[in-house]
Amino acid sequence: MAHFPPVFHSFFLERFPQPSAWFTARTAYTRSTAVNSMAGAVIGLGDRHLNNVLVDLATAEVRISAGAMLFAA
């Protein structure tokens, strides 16, 4: 872990410096991650990895690429 320190928290601090914007972005991230996780479990998408999980830089919402849903094994 020393070679790869956690940095995702910096994304929120840099992209959303105002407290209200930070809170809104973290809420959007949390909710969209939860919805995508539940939907993925229901339709059987399996494990997600960084090749098909997208984070919207403007809103911090998480999206799963359409190709991952269409061609899931």
Protein backbone atom coordinates (compact mmCIF):
# COMPACT_ATOMS: atom_id res chain seq x y z
CA MET A 1 0.00 0.00 0.00
CA ALA A 2 2.97 2.30 0.42
CA HIS A 3 3.43 2.44 -3.35
CA PHE A 4 -0.23 3.33 -3.93
CA PRO A 5 -1.45 5.71 -1.22
CA PRO A 6 -5.20 6.49 -1.20
CA VAL A 7 -5.93 9.69 -3.12
CA PHE A 8 -9.65 9.59 -3.97
CA HIS A 9 -10.45 11.93 -1.07
CA SER A 10 -8.29 14.55 -2.83
CA PHE A 11 -10.63 14.42 -5.83
CA PHE A 12 -13.48 15.78 -3.73
CA LEU A 13 -11.36 18.42 -2.02
CA GLU A 14 -9.90 19.70 -5.29
CA ARG A 15 -13.03 19.54 -7.46
CA PHE A 16 -15.49 20.79 -4.82
CA PRO A 17 -13.73 23.29 -2.52
CA GLN A 18 -16.90 24.88 -1.12
CA PRO A 19 -18.42 22.93 1.81
CA SER A 20 -21.92 22.79 0.29
CA ALA A 21 -20.58 21.65 -3.09
CA TRP A 22 -18.38 19.05 -1.37
CA PHE A 23 -21.34 17.70 0.59
CA THR A 24 -23.55 17.59 -2.51
CA ALA A 25 -20.86 15.76 -4.50
CA ARG A 26 -20.19 13.23 -1.73
CA THR A 27 -23.92 12.58 -1.41
CA ALA A 28 -24.28 12.13 -5.18
CA TYR A 29 -21.29 9.77 -5.21
CA THR A 30 -22.60 7.71 -2.30
CA ARG A 31 -26.13 7.42 -3.66
CA SER A 32 -25.11 6.64 -7.23
CA THR A 33 -22.62 4.02 -6.01
CA ALA A 34 -25.33 2.39 -3.90
CA VAL A 35 -27.87 2.39 -6.76
CA ASN A 36 -25.36 0.98 -9.25
CA SER A 37 -24.29 -1.70 -6.76
CA MET A 38 -27.87 -2.77 -6.10
CA ALA A 39 -28.82 -2.74 -9.79
CA GLY A 40 -25.68 -4.68 -10.65
CA ALA A 41 -26.47 -7.30 -8.04
CA VAL A 42 -30.07 -7.67 -9.24
CA ILE A 43 -29.16 -8.12 -12.91
CA GLY A 44 -26.00 -10.10 -12.14
CA LEU A 45 -23.24 -7.83 -13.42
CA GLY A 46 -20.70 -9.28 -11.01
CA ASP A 47 -17.52 -7.51 -9.97
CA ARG A 48 -16.91 -4.00 -11.26
CA HIS A 49 -13.45 -2.70 -12.02
CA LEU A 50 -11.97 0.61 -13.14
CA ASN A 51 -12.37 -0.18 -16.83
CA ASN A 52 -16.15 0.11 -16.68
CA VAL A 53 -16.93 2.33 -13.68
CA LEU A 54 -17.02 6.01 -14.59
CA VAL A 55 -17.09 9.01 -12.23
CA ASP A 56 -18.66 12.18 -13.61
CA LEU A 57 -16.16 14.97 -12.89
CA ALA A 58 -18.86 17.64 -12.69
CA THR A 59 -21.28 15.90 -10.32
CA ALA A 60 -19.23 13.00 -8.83
CA GLU A 61 -21.98 10.55 -9.82
CA VAL A 62 -20.90 7.01 -10.61
CA ARG A 63 -21.97 5.39 -13.85
CA ILE A 64 -21.33 1.96 -15.28
CA SER A 65 -20.51 1.97 -18.99
CA ALA A 66 -23.26 0.63 -21.26
CA GLY A 67 -20.87 -1.92 -22.76
CA ALA A 68 -20.41 -3.47 -19.35
CA MET A 69 -24.14 -3.98 -19.01
CA LEU A 70 -24.70 -5.22 -22.55
CA PHE A 71 -21.82 -7.66 -22.70
CA ALA A 72 -21.68 -8.90 -19.13
CA ALA A 73 -20.81 -12.58 -18.94
